[in-house]
Amino acid sequence: RVQLVESGGGSVQAGGSLRLSCAVFGNTAGLNNLGWFRQAPGKEREGVAAIDVNGRTNYADSVKGRFTISQNNAENTLYLQMNNLKPEDTAMYYCAASTLLILWPLHRSGYNNWGQGTQVTVSS
C-alpha cells in the first residue's frame, strides 16, 4: 500500500556519522508506526529506532545517545541520524512502516511494509 525507499548508506570510519533517509510513497494517512531495522550477516533483523503517530520514540540500547530518529511529514520522509558510528553498527538498514499502532515498536513482526535496504559499513 506504500512504498519505502532507503538511501544514505555508505562506508565510514569509526566515529563518523551518516544520515539515512526513507522516502515514503503512496497513501501515508494510515501509517501509525515507522521504524529502522538492521541485519548483519548471520544475525537476526533487529529493531534500531521507531517513532509512532504521537511522536513517541524508541531506541535499542546499543544505539541510545548515538542515533536519532525523526520524520518530516510534509516531505513524507523518515530519517535516522547516526553519530559516533562503531564497527558493530555495520549492517543492512531497512525502514519499515505499520498500519497499526503496535505495542512493541522494535519488533519486526508488527510491521507490514518494508524498504529494500541500504548498506552501512563502519571500519575501525
PDB file of N, CA and C in Angstrom:
ATOM      1  N   ARG A   1       0.827  -1.197   0.000  1.00  0.00           N
ATOM      2  CA  ARG A   1       0.000   0.000   0.000  1.00  0.00           C
ATOM      3  C   ARG A   1       0.864   1.250   0.000  1.00  0.00           C
ATOM      4  N   VAL A   2       2.044   1.172   0.604  1.00  0.00           N
ATOM      5  CA  VAL A   2       3.027   2.231   0.498  1.00  0.00           C
ATOM      6  C   VAL A   2       4.352   1.612   0.083  1.00  0.00           C
ATOM      7  N   GLN A   3       5.174   2.426  -0.536  1.00  0.00           N
ATOM      8  CA  GLN A   3       6.498   2.004  -0.933  1.00  0.00           C
ATOM      9  C   GLN A   3       7.536   2.803  -0.163  1.00  0.00           C
ATOM     10  N   LEU A   4       8.545   2.111   0.344  1.00  0.00           N
ATOM     11  CA  LEU A   4       9.590   2.726   1.138  1.00  0.00           C
ATOM     12  C   LEU A   4      10.916   2.574   0.410  1.00  0.00           C
ATOM     13  N   VAL A   5      11.647   3.664   0.295  1.00  0.00           N
ATOM     14  CA  VAL A   5      12.918   3.655  -0.416  1.00  0.00           C
ATOM     15  C   VAL A   5      13.986   4.290   0.458  1.00  0.00           C
ATOM     16  N   GLU A   6      14.949   3.477   0.896  1.00  0.00           N
ATOM     17  CA  GLU A   6      16.030   3.963   1.746  1.00  0.00           C
ATOM     18  C   GLU A   6      17.169   4.525   0.905  1.00  0.00           C
ATOM     19  N   SER A   7      17.895   5.449   1.495  1.00  0.00           N
ATOM     20  CA  SER A   7      19.100   5.978   0.886  1.00  0.00           C
ATOM     21  C   SER A   7      19.993   6.536   1.985  1.00  0.00           C
ATOM     22  N   GLY A   8      21.230   6.836   1.639  1.00  0.00           N
ATOM     23  CA  GLY A   8      22.138   7.462   2.578  1.00  0.00           C
ATOM     24  C   GLY A   8      23.176   6.549   3.178  1.00  0.00           C
ATOM     25  N   GLY A   9      23.101   5.262   2.892  1.00  0.00           N
ATOM     26  CA  GLY A   9      24.099   4.347   3.402  1.00  0.00           C
ATOM     27  C   GLY A   9      25.434   4.551   2.720  1.00  0.00           C
ATOM     28  N   GLY A  10      26.450   3.926   3.266  1.00  0.00           N
ATOM     29  CA  GLY A  10      27.776   4.037   2.710  1.00  0.00           C
ATOM     30  C   GLY A  10      28.810   3.511   3.664  1.00  0.00           C
ATOM     31  N   SER A  11      30.053   3.831   3.383  1.00  0.00           N
ATOM     32  CA  SER A  11      31.182   3.407   4.209  1.00  0.00           C
ATOM     33  C   SER A  11      31.741   4.593   4.966  1.00  0.00           C
ATOM     34  N   VAL A  12      32.026   4.378   6.234  1.00  0.00           N
ATOM     35  CA  VAL A  12      32.539   5.438   7.080  1.00  0.00           C
ATOM     36  C   VAL A  12      33.467   4.826   8.123  1.00  0.00           C
ATOM     37  N   GLN A  13      34.419   5.594   8.581  1.00  0.00           N
ATOM     38  CA  GLN A  13      35.298   5.130   9.638  1.00  0.00           C
ATOM     39  C   GLN A  13      34.637   5.274  11.000  1.00  0.00           C
ATOM     40  N   ALA A  14      35.078   4.468  11.939  1.00  0.00           N
ATOM     41  CA  ALA A  14      34.543   4.541  13.290  1.00  0.00           C
ATOM     42  C   ALA A  14      34.622   5.961  13.827  1.00  0.00           C
ATOM     43  N   GLY A  15      33.543   6.380  14.475  1.00  0.00           N
ATOM     44  CA  GLY A  15      33.456   7.729  14.989  1.00  0.00           C
ATOM     45  C   GLY A  15      32.778   8.699  14.049  1.00  0.00           C
ATOM     46  N   GLY A  16      32.569   8.288  12.820  1.00  0.00           N
ATOM     47  CA  GLY A  16      31.934   9.134  11.839  1.00  0.00           C
ATOM     48  C   GLY A  16      30.426   9.108  11.938  1.00  0.00           C
ATOM     49  N   SER A  17      29.783   9.818  11.016  1.00  0.00           N
ATOM     50  CA  SER A  17      28.333   9.948  11.027  1.00  0.00           C
ATOM     51  C   SER A  17      27.747   9.682   9.654  1.00  0.00           C
ATOM     52  N   LEU A  18      26.518   9.222   9.650  1.00  0.00           N
ATOM     53  CA  LEU A  18      25.728   9.067   8.444  1.00  0.00           C
ATOM     54  C   LEU A  18      24.287   9.424   8.757  1.00  0.00           C
ATOM     55  N   ARG A  19      23.574   9.894   7.766  1.00  0.00           N
ATOM     56  CA  ARG A  19      22.149  10.120   7.905  1.00  0.00           C
ATOM     57  C   ARG A  19      21.420   9.310   6.849  1.00  0.00           C
ATOM     58  N   LEU A  20      20.588   8.405   7.304  1.00  0.00           N
ATOM     59  CA  LEU A  20      19.780   7.600   6.410  1.00  0.00           C
ATOM     60  C   LEU A  20      18.435   8.269   6.184  1.00  0.00           C
ATOM     61  N   SER A  21      17.930   8.134   4.975  1.00  0.00           N
ATOM     62  CA  SER A  21      16.629   8.665   4.631  1.00  0.00           C
ATOM     63  C   SER A  21      15.743   7.551   4.110  1.00  0.00           C
ATOM     64  N   CYS A  22      14.463   7.671   4.363  1.00  0.00           N
ATOM     65  CA  CYS A  22      13.480   6.728   3.861  1.00  0.00           C
ATOM     66  C   CYS A  22      12.325   7.526   3.287  1.00  0.00           C
ATOM     67  N   ALA A  23      12.217   7.523   1.977  1.00  0.00           N
ATOM     68  CA  ALA A  23      11.105   8.190   1.316  1.00  0.00           C
ATOM     69  C   ALA A  23       9.907   7.264   1.278  1.00  0.00           C
ATOM     70  N   VAL A  24       8.758   7.787   1.655  1.00  0.00           N
ATOM     71  CA  VAL A  24       7.533   7.003   1.710  1.00  0.00           C
ATOM     72  C   VAL A  24       6.608   7.469   0.600  1.00  0.00           C
ATOM     73  N   PHE A  25       6.267   6.559  -0.294  1.00  0.00           N
ATOM     74  CA  PHE A  25       5.398   6.857  -1.420  1.00  0.00           C
ATOM     75  C   PHE A  25       4.063   6.157  -1.260  1.00  0.00           C
ATOM     76  N   GLY A  26       3.022   6.812  -1.701  1.00  0.00           N
ATOM     77  CA  GLY A  26       1.694   6.238  -1.634  1.00  0.00           C
ATOM     78  C   GLY A  26       0.855   6.895  -0.567  1.00  0.00           C
ATOM     79  N   ASN A  27      -0.141   6.160  -0.118  1.00  0.00           N
ATOM     80  CA  ASN A  27      -1.073   6.673   0.878  1.00  0.00           C
ATOM     81  C   ASN A  27      -0.478   6.511   2.270  1.00  0.00           C
ATOM     82  N   THR A  28      -0.015   7.602   2.836  1.00  0.00           N
ATOM     83  CA  THR A  28       0.624   7.563   4.145  1.00  0.00           C
ATOM     84  C   THR A  28      -0.332   7.853   5.297  1.00  0.00           C
ATOM     85  N   ALA A  29      -1.572   8.152   4.992  1.00  0.00           N
ATOM     86  CA  ALA A  29      -2.524   8.566   6.018  1.00  0.00           C
ATOM     87  C   ALA A  29      -2.775   7.486   7.061  1.00  0.00           C
ATOM     88  N   GLY A  30      -2.694   6.231   6.663  1.00  0.00           N
ATOM     89  CA  GLY A  30      -2.997   5.150   7.575  1.00  0.00           C
ATOM     90  C   GLY A  30      -1.823   4.585   8.344  1.00  0.00           C
ATOM     91  N   LEU A  31      -0.655   5.186   8.207  1.00  0.00           N
ATOM     92  CA  LEU A  31       0.533   4.680   8.881  1.00  0.00           C
ATOM     93  C   LEU A  31       0.576   5.149  10.327  1.00  0.00           C
ATOM     94  N   ASN A  32       0.865   4.221  11.237  1.00  0.00           N
ATOM     95  CA  ASN A  32       0.910   4.537  12.652  1.00  0.00           C
ATOM     96  C   ASN A  32       2.296   4.421  13.269  1.00  0.00           C
ATOM     97  N   ASN A  33       3.131   3.587  12.713  1.00  0.00           N
ATOM     98  CA  ASN A  33       4.487   3.407  13.205  1.00  0.00           C
ATOM     99  C   ASN A  33       5.479   3.377  12.057  1.00  0.00           C
ATOM    100  N   LEU A  34       6.605   4.001  12.265  1.00  0.00           N
ATOM    101  CA  LEU A  34       7.725   3.941  11.339  1.00  0.00           C
ATOM    102  C   LEU A  34       8.961   3.532  12.128  1.00  0.00           C
ATOM    103  N   GLY A  35       9.803   2.730  11.517  1.00  0.00           N
ATOM    104  CA  GLY A  35      10.970   2.272  12.240  1.00  0.00           C
ATOM    105  C   GLY A  35      12.142   1.967  11.347  1.00  0.00           C
ATOM    106  N   TRP A  36      13.293   1.873  11.979  1.00  0.00           N
ATOM    107  CA  TRP A  36      14.520   1.449  11.324  1.00  0.00           C
ATOM    108  C   TRP A  36      14.976   0.135  11.936  1.00  0.00           C
ATOM    109  N   PHE A  37      15.318  -0.799  11.090  1.00  0.00           N
ATOM    110  CA  PHE A  37      15.841  -2.094  11.491  1.00  0.00           C
ATOM    111  C   PHE A  37      17.164  -2.336  10.788  1.00  0.00           C
ATOM    112  N   ARG A  38      17.938  -3.250  11.317  1.00  0.00           N
ATOM    113  CA  ARG A  38      19.187  -3.602  10.665  1.00  0.00           C
ATOM    114  C   ARG A  38      19.446  -5.089  10.796  1.00  0.00           C
ATOM    115  N   GLN A  39      20.192  -5.605   9.841  1.00  0.00           N
ATOM    116  CA  GLN A  39      20.533  -7.011   9.844  1.00  0.00           C
ATOM    117  C   GLN A  39      21.945  -7.201   9.327  1.00  0.00           C
ATOM    118  N   ALA A  40      22.767  -7.792  10.159  1.00  0.00           N
ATOM    119  CA  ALA A  40      24.116  -8.148   9.779  1.00  0.00           C
ATOM    120  C   ALA A  40      24.147  -9.613   9.363  1.00  0.00           C
ATOM    121  N   PRO A  41      25.115 -10.010   8.548  1.00  0.00           N
ATOM    122  CA  PRO A  41      25.191 -11.410   8.127  1.00  0.00           C
ATOM    123  C   PRO A  41      25.224 -12.358   9.309  1.00  0.00           C
ATOM    124  N   GLY A  42      24.388 -13.382   9.262  1.00  0.00           N
ATOM    125  CA  GLY A  42      24.347 -14.370  10.318  1.00  0.00           C
ATOM    126  C   GLY A  42      23.569 -13.967  11.551  1.00  0.00           C
ATOM    127  N   LYS A  43      22.978 -12.784  11.540  1.00  0.00           N
ATOM    128  CA  LYS A  43      22.218 -12.313  12.689  1.00  0.00           C
ATOM    129  C   LYS A  43      20.766 -12.060  12.320  1.00  0.00           C
ATOM    130  N   GLU A  44      19.932 -12.017  13.339  1.00  0.00           N
ATOM    131  CA  GLU A  44      18.529 -11.699  13.146  1.00  0.00           C
ATOM    132  C   GLU A  44      18.362 -10.208  12.878  1.00  0.00           C
ATOM    133  N   ARG A  45      17.297  -9.873  12.171  1.00  0.00           N
ATOM    134  CA  ARG A  45      16.979  -8.474  11.955  1.00  0.00           C
ATOM    135  C   ARG A  45      16.513  -7.863  13.273  1.00  0.00           C
ATOM    136  N   GLU A  46      17.132  -6.776  13.665  1.00  0.00           N
ATOM    137  CA  GLU A  46      16.828  -6.165  14.943  1.00  0.00           C
ATOM    138  C   GLU A  46      16.321  -4.739  14.785  1.00  0.00           C
ATOM    139  N   GLY A  47      15.453  -4.362  15.692  1.00  0.00           N
ATOM    140  CA  GLY A  47      14.953  -3.001  15.702  1.00  0.00           C
ATOM    141  C   GLY A  47      16.000  -2.038  16.219  1.00  0.00           C
ATOM    142  N   VAL A  48      16.133  -0.914  15.557  1.00  0.00           N
ATOM    143  CA  VAL A  48      17.102   0.110  15.921  1.00  0.00           C
ATOM    144  C   VAL A  48      16.417   1.308  16.554  1.00  0.00           C
ATOM    145  N   ALA A  49      15.413   1.830  15.879  1.00  0.00           N
ATOM    146  CA  ALA A  49      14.700   3.004  16.353  1.00  0.00           C
ATOM    147  C   ALA A  49      13.317   3.026  15.729  1.00  0.00           C
ATOM    148  N   ALA A  50      12.360   3.605  16.430  1.00  0.00           N
ATOM    149  CA  ALA A  50      10.999   3.675  15.926  1.00  0.00           C
ATOM    150  C   ALA A  50      10.324   4.938  16.421  1.00  0.00           C
ATOM    151  N   ILE A  51       9.325   5.373  15.672  1.00  0.00           N
ATOM    152  CA  ILE A  51       8.544   6.541  16.034  1.00  0.00           C
ATOM    153  C   ILE A  51       7.092   6.267  15.664  1.00  0.00           C
ATOM    154  N   ASP A  52       6.160   6.697  16.512  1.00  0.00           N
ATOM    155  CA  ASP A  52       4.757   6.471  16.228  1.00  0.00           C
ATOM    156  C   ASP A  52       4.048   7.776  15.887  1.00  0.00           C
ATOM    157  N   VAL A  53       2.752   7.681  15.652  1.00  0.00           N
ATOM    158  CA  VAL A  53       1.988   8.851  15.216  1.00  0.00           C
ATOM    159  C   VAL A  53       1.926   9.934  16.283  1.00  0.00           C
ATOM    160  N   ASN A  54       2.190   9.582  17.518  1.00  0.00           N
ATOM    161  CA  ASN A  54       2.212  10.557  18.599  1.00  0.00           C
ATOM    162  C   ASN A  54       3.582  11.183  18.799  1.00  0.00           C
ATOM    163  N   GLY A  55       4.543  10.778  17.990  1.00  0.00           N
ATOM    164  CA  GLY A  55       5.885  11.302  18.108  1.00  0.00           C
ATOM    165  C   GLY A  55       6.741  10.596  19.130  1.00  0.00           C
ATOM    166  N   ARG A  56       6.222   9.543  19.730  1.00  0.00           N
ATOM    167  CA  ARG A  56       6.988   8.814  20.729  1.00  0.00           C
ATOM    168  C   ARG A  56       8.042   7.947  20.058  1.00  0.00           C
ATOM    169  N   THR A  57       9.240   7.982  20.599  1.00  0.00           N
ATOM    170  CA  THR A  57      10.349   7.261  20.001  1.00  0.00           C
ATOM    171  C   THR A  57      10.840   6.146  20.910  1.00  0.00           C
ATOM    172  N   ASN A  58      11.434   5.149  20.290  1.00  0.00           N
ATOM    173  CA  ASN A  58      12.060   4.044  20.999  1.00  0.00           C
ATOM    174  C   ASN A  58      13.392   3.731  20.332  1.00  0.00           C
ATOM    175  N   TYR A  59      14.376   3.380  21.147  1.00  0.00           N
ATOM    176  CA  TYR A  59      15.702   3.066  20.639  1.00  0.00           C
ATOM    177  C   TYR A  59      16.220   1.790  21.263  1.00  0.00           C
ATOM    178  N   ALA A  60      16.956   1.041  20.472  1.00  0.00           N
ATOM    179  CA  ALA A  60      17.685  -0.083  21.021  1.00  0.00           C
ATOM    180  C   ALA A  60      18.764   0.440  21.963  1.00  0.00           C
ATOM    181  N   ASP A  61      19.033  -0.310  23.015  1.00  0.00           N
ATOM    182  CA  ASP A  61      20.031   0.121  23.985  1.00  0.00           C
ATOM    183  C   ASP A  61      21.390   0.375  23.340  1.00  0.00           C
ATOM    184  N   SER A  62      21.705  -0.386  22.323  1.00  0.00           N
ATOM    185  CA  SER A  62      23.009  -0.289  21.697  1.00  0.00           C
ATOM    186  C   SER A  62      23.235   1.017  20.937  1.00  0.00           C
ATOM    187  N   VAL A  63      22.162   1.749  20.640  1.00  0.00           N
ATOM    188  CA  VAL A  63      22.304   2.974  19.857  1.00  0.00           C
ATOM    189  C   VAL A  63      21.843   4.217  20.602  1.00  0.00           C
ATOM    190  N   LYS A  64      21.339   4.065  21.807  1.00  0.00           N
ATOM    191  CA  LYS A  64      20.872   5.213  22.569  1.00  0.00           C
ATOM    192  C   LYS A  64      22.008   6.213  22.794  1.00  0.00           C
ATOM    193  N   GLY A  65      21.693   7.461  22.567  1.00  0.00           N
ATOM    194  CA  GLY A  65      22.688   8.504  22.704  1.00  0.00           C
ATOM    195  C   GLY A  65      23.513   8.744  21.465  1.00  0.00           C
ATOM    196  N   ARG A  66      23.398   7.851  20.487  1.00  0.00           N
ATOM    197  CA  ARG A  66      24.159   7.987  19.249  1.00  0.00           C
ATOM    198  C   ARG A  66      23.268   8.188  18.027  1.00  0.00           C
ATOM    199  N   PHE A  67      22.111   7.535  18.006  1.00  0.00           N
ATOM    200  CA  PHE A  67      21.204   7.596  16.867  1.00  0.00           C
ATOM    201  C   PHE A  67      19.970   8.411  17.223  1.00  0.00           C
ATOM    202  N   THR A  68      19.417   9.090  16.234  1.00  0.00           N
ATOM    203  CA  THR A  68      18.192   9.850  16.410  1.00  0.00           C
ATOM    204  C   THR A  68      17.258   9.593  15.239  1.00  0.00           C
ATOM    205  N   ILE A  69      16.030   9.195  15.540  1.00  0.00           N
ATOM    206  CA  ILE A  69      15.033   9.003  14.506  1.00  0.00           C
ATOM    207  C   ILE A  69      14.151  10.241  14.434  1.00  0.00           C
ATOM    208  N   SER A  70      13.785  10.637  13.237  1.00  0.00           N
ATOM    209  CA  SER A  70      12.923  11.788  13.052  1.00  0.00           C
ATOM    210  C   SER A  70      12.165  11.630  11.746  1.00  0.00           C
ATOM    211  N   GLN A  71      11.173  12.472  11.559  1.00  0.00           N
ATOM    212  CA  GLN A  71      10.402  12.427  10.327  1.00  0.00           C
ATOM    213  C   GLN A  71      10.001  13.817   9.911  1.00  0.00           C
ATOM    214  N   ASN A  72       9.883  13.986   8.611  1.00  0.00           N
ATOM    215  CA  ASN A  72       9.369  15.204   8.020  1.00  0.00           C
ATOM    216  C   ASN A  72       8.066  14.824   7.338  1.00  0.00           C
ATOM    217  N   ASN A  73       6.973  15.106   8.002  1.00  0.00           N
ATOM    218  CA  ASN A  73       5.676  14.699   7.472  1.00  0.00           C
ATOM    219  C   ASN A  73       5.333  15.392   6.161  1.00  0.00           C
ATOM    220  N   ALA A  74       5.731  16.640   6.023  1.00  0.00           N
ATOM    221  CA  ALA A  74       5.436  17.372   4.803  1.00  0.00           C
ATOM    222  C   ALA A  74       6.116  16.741   3.596  1.00  0.00           C
ATOM    223  N   GLU A  75       7.284  16.161   3.810  1.00  0.00           N
ATOM    224  CA  GLU A  75       8.035  15.550   2.723  1.00  0.00           C
ATOM    225  C   GLU A  75       7.884  14.036   2.694  1.00  0.00           C
ATOM    226  N   ASN A  76       7.120  13.483   3.631  1.00  0.00           N
ATOM    227  CA  ASN A  76       6.926  12.034   3.723  1.00  0.00           C
ATOM    228  C   ASN A  76       8.256  11.294   3.758  1.00  0.00           C
ATOM    229  N   THR A  77       9.108  11.739   4.649  1.00  0.00           N
ATOM    230  CA  THR A  77      10.446  11.174   4.743  1.00  0.00           C
ATOM    231  C   THR A  77      10.797  10.864   6.189  1.00  0.00           C
ATOM    232  N   LEU A  78      11.366   9.701   6.401  1.00  0.00           N
ATOM    233  CA  LEU A  78      11.860   9.262   7.699  1.00  0.00           C
ATOM    234  C   LEU A  78      13.378   9.327   7.684  1.00  0.00           C
ATOM    235  N   TYR A  79      13.961   9.734   8.797  1.00  0.00           N
ATOM    236  CA  TYR A  79      15.406   9.870   8.881  1.00  0.00           C
ATOM    237  C   TYR A  79      15.959   9.087  10.059  1.00  0.00           C
ATOM    238  N   LEU A  80      17.207   8.694   9.925  1.00  0.00           N
ATOM    239  CA  LEU A  80      17.965   8.136  11.028  1.00  0.00           C
ATOM    240  C   LEU A  80      19.336   8.794  11.017  1.00  0.00           C
ATOM    241  N   GLN A  81      19.561   9.676  11.970  1.00  0.00           N
ATOM    242  CA  GLN A  81      20.865  10.297  12.128  1.00  0.00           C
ATOM    243  C   GLN A  81      21.721   9.402  12.997  1.00  0.00           C
ATOM    244  N   MET A  82      22.851   8.975  12.477  1.00  0.00           N
ATOM    245  CA  MET A  82      23.732   8.053  13.169  1.00  0.00           C
ATOM    246  C   MET A  82      25.065   8.748  13.425  1.00  0.00           C
ATOM    247  N   ASN A  83      25.382   8.949  14.697  1.00  0.00           N
ATOM    248  CA  ASN A  83      26.623   9.581  15.094  1.00  0.00           C
ATOM    249  C   ASN A  83      27.491   8.608  15.863  1.00  0.00           C
ATOM    250  N   ASN A  84      28.772   8.914  15.922  1.00  0.00           N
ATOM    251  CA  ASN A  84      29.728   8.075  16.637  1.00  0.00           C
ATOM    252  C   ASN A  84      29.573   6.611  16.252  1.00  0.00           C
ATOM    253  N   LEU A  85      29.597   6.363  14.970  1.00  0.00           N
ATOM    254  CA  LEU A  85      29.392   5.009  14.473  1.00  0.00           C
ATOM    255  C   LEU A  85      30.508   4.077  14.907  1.00  0.00           C
ATOM    256  N   LYS A  86      30.125   2.834  15.133  1.00  0.00           N
ATOM    257  CA  LYS A  86      31.036   1.795  15.563  1.00  0.00           C
ATOM    258  C   LYS A  86      31.027   0.656  14.557  1.00  0.00           C
ATOM    259  N   PRO A  87      32.099  -0.128  14.499  1.00  0.00           N
ATOM    260  CA  PRO A  87      32.111  -1.262  13.566  1.00  0.00           C
ATOM    261  C   PRO A  87      30.923  -2.203  13.748  1.00  0.00           C
ATOM    262  N   GLU A  88      30.448  -2.370  14.968  1.00  0.00           N
ATOM    263  CA  GLU A  88      29.318  -3.246  15.201  1.00  0.00           C
ATOM    264  C   GLU A  88      28.002  -2.704  14.662  1.00  0.00           C
ATOM    265  N   ASP A  89      28.001  -1.462  14.185  1.00  0.00           N
ATOM    266  CA  ASP A  89      26.825  -0.912  13.522  1.00  0.00           C
ATOM    267  C   ASP A  89      26.727  -1.355  12.069  1.00  0.00           C
ATOM    268  N   THR A  90      27.745  -2.001  11.567  1.00  0.00           N
ATOM    269  CA  THR A  90      27.748  -2.459  10.185  1.00  0.00           C
ATOM    270  C   THR A  90      26.603  -3.433   9.944  1.00  0.00           C
ATOM    271  N   ALA A  91      25.762  -3.119   8.974  1.00  0.00           N
ATOM    272  CA  ALA A  91      24.592  -3.939   8.678  1.00  0.00           C
ATOM    273  C   ALA A  91      23.859  -3.356   7.488  1.00  0.00           C
ATOM    274  N   MET A  92      22.903  -4.124   6.990  1.00  0.00           N
ATOM    275  CA  MET A  92      21.939  -3.597   6.048  1.00  0.00           C
ATOM    276  C   MET A  92      20.820  -2.959   6.866  1.00  0.00           C
ATOM    277  N   TYR A  93      20.520  -1.720   6.575  1.00  0.00           N
ATOM    278  CA  TYR A  93      19.496  -0.988   7.313  1.00  0.00           C
ATOM    279  C   TYR A  93      18.228  -0.886   6.485  1.00  0.00           C
ATOM    280  N   TYR A  94      17.108  -1.191   7.116  1.00  0.00           N
ATOM    281  CA  TYR A  94      15.805  -1.175   6.473  1.00  0.00           C
ATOM    282  C   TYR A  94      14.869  -0.222   7.200  1.00  0.00           C
ATOM    283  N   CYS A  95      14.074   0.505   6.452  1.00  0.00           N
ATOM    284  CA  CYS A  95      12.988   1.233   7.073  1.00  0.00           C
ATOM    285  C   CYS A  95      11.712   0.418   6.919  1.00  0.00           C
ATOM    286  N   ALA A  96      10.804   0.604   7.846  1.00  0.00           N
ATOM    287  CA  ALA A  96       9.580  -0.175   7.869  1.00  0.00           C
ATOM    288  C   ALA A  96       8.425   0.678   8.361  1.00  0.00           C
ATOM    289  N   ALA A  97       7.226   0.289   7.961  1.00  0.00           N
ATOM    290  CA  ALA A  97       6.025   1.005   8.350  1.00  0.00           C
ATOM    291  C   ALA A  97       4.936   0.022   8.742  1.00  0.00           C
ATOM    292  N   SER A  98       4.095   0.448   9.663  1.00  0.00           N
ATOM    293  CA  SER A  98       2.966  -0.355  10.103  1.00  0.00           C
ATOM    294  C   SER A  98       1.690   0.460  10.029  1.00  0.00           C
ATOM    295  N   THR A  99       0.627  -0.183   9.593  1.00  0.00           N
ATOM    296  CA  THR A  99      -0.676   0.475   9.542  1.00  0.00           C
ATOM    297  C   THR A  99      -1.396   0.423  10.886  1.00  0.00           C
ATOM    298  N   LEU A 100      -0.824  -0.277  11.841  1.00  0.00           N
ATOM    299  CA  LEU A 100      -1.390  -0.380  13.174  1.00  0.00           C
ATOM    300  C   LEU A 100      -0.464   0.282  14.184  1.00  0.00           C
ATOM    301  N   LEU A 101      -1.056   0.805  15.250  1.00  0.00           N
ATOM    302  CA  LEU A 101      -0.274   1.312  16.359  1.00  0.00           C
ATOM    303  C   LEU A 101       0.099   0.118  17.218  1.00  0.00           C
ATOM    304  N   ILE A 102       1.349  -0.280  17.158  1.00  0.00           N
ATOM    305  CA  ILE A 102       1.780  -1.526  17.769  1.00  0.00           C
ATOM    306  C   ILE A 102       2.373  -1.289  19.153  1.00  0.00           C
ATOM    307  N   LEU A 103       2.354  -2.348  19.956  1.00  0.00           N
ATOM    308  CA  LEU A 103       2.806  -2.257  21.335  1.00  0.00           C
ATOM    309  C   LEU A 103       4.305  -2.428  21.483  1.00  0.00           C
ATOM    310  N   TRP A 104       4.915  -3.136  20.530  1.00  0.00           N
ATOM    311  CA  TRP A 104       6.344  -3.405  20.594  1.00  0.00           C
ATOM    312  C   TRP A 104       7.000  -2.863  19.327  1.00  0.00           C
ATOM    313  N   PRO A 105       7.297  -1.575  19.310  1.00  0.00           N
ATOM    314  CA  PRO A 105       7.742  -0.923  18.069  1.00  0.00           C
ATOM    315  C   PRO A 105       9.092  -1.364  17.540  1.00  0.00           C
ATOM    316  N   LEU A 106       9.900  -2.034  18.344  1.00  0.00           N
ATOM    317  CA  LEU A 106      11.194  -2.502  17.880  1.00  0.00           C
ATOM    318  C   LEU A 106      11.183  -3.971  17.477  1.00  0.00           C
ATOM    319  N   HIS A 107      10.005  -4.559  17.404  1.00  0.00           N
ATOM    320  CA  HIS A 107       9.859  -5.932  16.937  1.00  0.00           C
ATOM    321  C   HIS A 107       9.354  -5.921  15.507  1.00  0.00           C
ATOM    322  N   ARG A 108      10.044  -6.620  14.638  1.00  0.00           N
ATOM    323  CA  ARG A 108       9.740  -6.579  13.221  1.00  0.00           C
ATOM    324  C   ARG A 108       8.380  -7.147  12.865  1.00  0.00           C
ATOM    325  N   SER A 109       7.832  -8.004  13.716  1.00  0.00           N
ATOM    326  CA  SER A 109       6.575  -8.662  13.403  1.00  0.00           C
ATOM    327  C   SER A 109       5.408  -7.700  13.283  1.00  0.00           C
ATOM    328  N   GLY A 110       5.522  -6.529  13.855  1.00  0.00           N
ATOM    329  CA  GLY A 110       4.432  -5.574  13.810  1.00  0.00           C
ATOM    330  C   GLY A 110       4.367  -4.737  12.547  1.00  0.00           C
ATOM    331  N   TYR A 111       5.350  -4.858  11.690  1.00  0.00           N
ATOM    332  CA  TYR A 111       5.440  -4.024  10.502  1.00  0.00           C
ATOM    333  C   TYR A 111       5.050  -4.803   9.252  1.00  0.00           C
ATOM    334  N   ASN A 112       4.332  -4.147   8.379  1.00  0.00           N
ATOM    335  CA  ASN A 112       3.852  -4.811   7.170  1.00  0.00           C
ATOM    336  C   ASN A 112       4.281  -4.123   5.878  1.00  0.00           C
ATOM    337  N   ASN A 113       5.163  -3.162   5.972  1.00  0.00           N
ATOM    338  CA  ASN A 113       5.748  -2.535   4.795  1.00  0.00           C
ATOM    339  C   ASN A 113       7.238  -2.358   5.028  1.00  0.00           C
ATOM    340  N   TRP A 114       8.025  -2.719   4.025  1.00  0.00           N
ATOM    341  CA  TRP A 114       9.473  -2.698   4.170  1.00  0.00           C
ATOM    342  C   TRP A 114      10.148  -2.110   2.946  1.00  0.00           C
ATOM    343  N   GLY A 115      11.247  -1.400   3.181  1.00  0.00           N
ATOM    344  CA  GLY A 115      12.073  -0.923   2.096  1.00  0.00           C
ATOM    345  C   GLY A 115      13.058  -1.981   1.653  1.00  0.00           C
ATOM    346  N   GLN A 116      13.865  -1.628   0.668  1.00  0.00           N
ATOM    347  CA  GLN A 116      14.803  -2.595   0.093  1.00  0.00           C
ATOM    348  C   GLN A 116      16.124  -2.667   0.847  1.00  0.00           C
ATOM    349  N   GLY A 117      16.391  -1.706   1.695  1.00  0.00           N
ATOM    350  CA  GLY A 117      17.593  -1.696   2.491  1.00  0.00           C
ATOM    351  C   GLY A 117      18.694  -0.827   1.918  1.00  0.00           C
ATOM    352  N   THR A 118      19.534  -0.316   2.800  1.00  0.00           N
ATOM    353  CA  THR A 118      20.718   0.429   2.402  1.00  0.00           C
ATOM    354  C   THR A 118      21.873  -0.008   3.297  1.00  0.00           C
ATOM    355  N   GLN A 119      23.017  -0.269   2.698  1.00  0.00           N
ATOM    356  CA  GLN A 119      24.139  -0.837   3.421  1.00  0.00           C
ATOM    357  C   GLN A 119      24.929   0.230   4.158  1.00  0.00           C
ATOM    358  N   VAL A 120      25.243  -0.055   5.416  1.00  0.00           N
ATOM    359  CA  VAL A 120      26.108   0.788   6.229  1.00  0.00           C
ATOM    360  C   VAL A 120      27.305  -0.039   6.653  1.00  0.00           C
ATOM    361  N   THR A 121      28.490   0.441   6.344  1.00  0.00           N
ATOM    362  CA  THR A 121      29.714  -0.251   6.700  1.00  0.00           C
ATOM    363  C   THR A 121      30.612   0.696   7.484  1.00  0.00           C
ATOM    364  N   VAL A 122      31.004   0.271   8.674  1.00  0.00           N
ATOM    365  CA  VAL A 122      31.834   1.088   9.555  1.00  0.00           C
ATOM    366  C   VAL A 122      33.149   0.359   9.782  1.00  0.00           C
ATOM    367  N   SER A 123      34.233   0.996   9.439  1.00  0.00           N
ATOM    368  CA  SER A 123      35.550   0.405   9.600  1.00  0.00           C
ATOM    369  C   SER A 123      36.264   1.011  10.796  1.00  0.00           C
ATOM    370  N   SER A 124      37.134   0.236  11.397  1.00  0.00           N
ATOM    371  CA  SER A 124      37.891   0.693  12.551  1.00  0.00           C
ATOM    372  C   SER A 124      39.257   1.202  12.153  1.00  0.00           C
TER     373      SER A 124
END
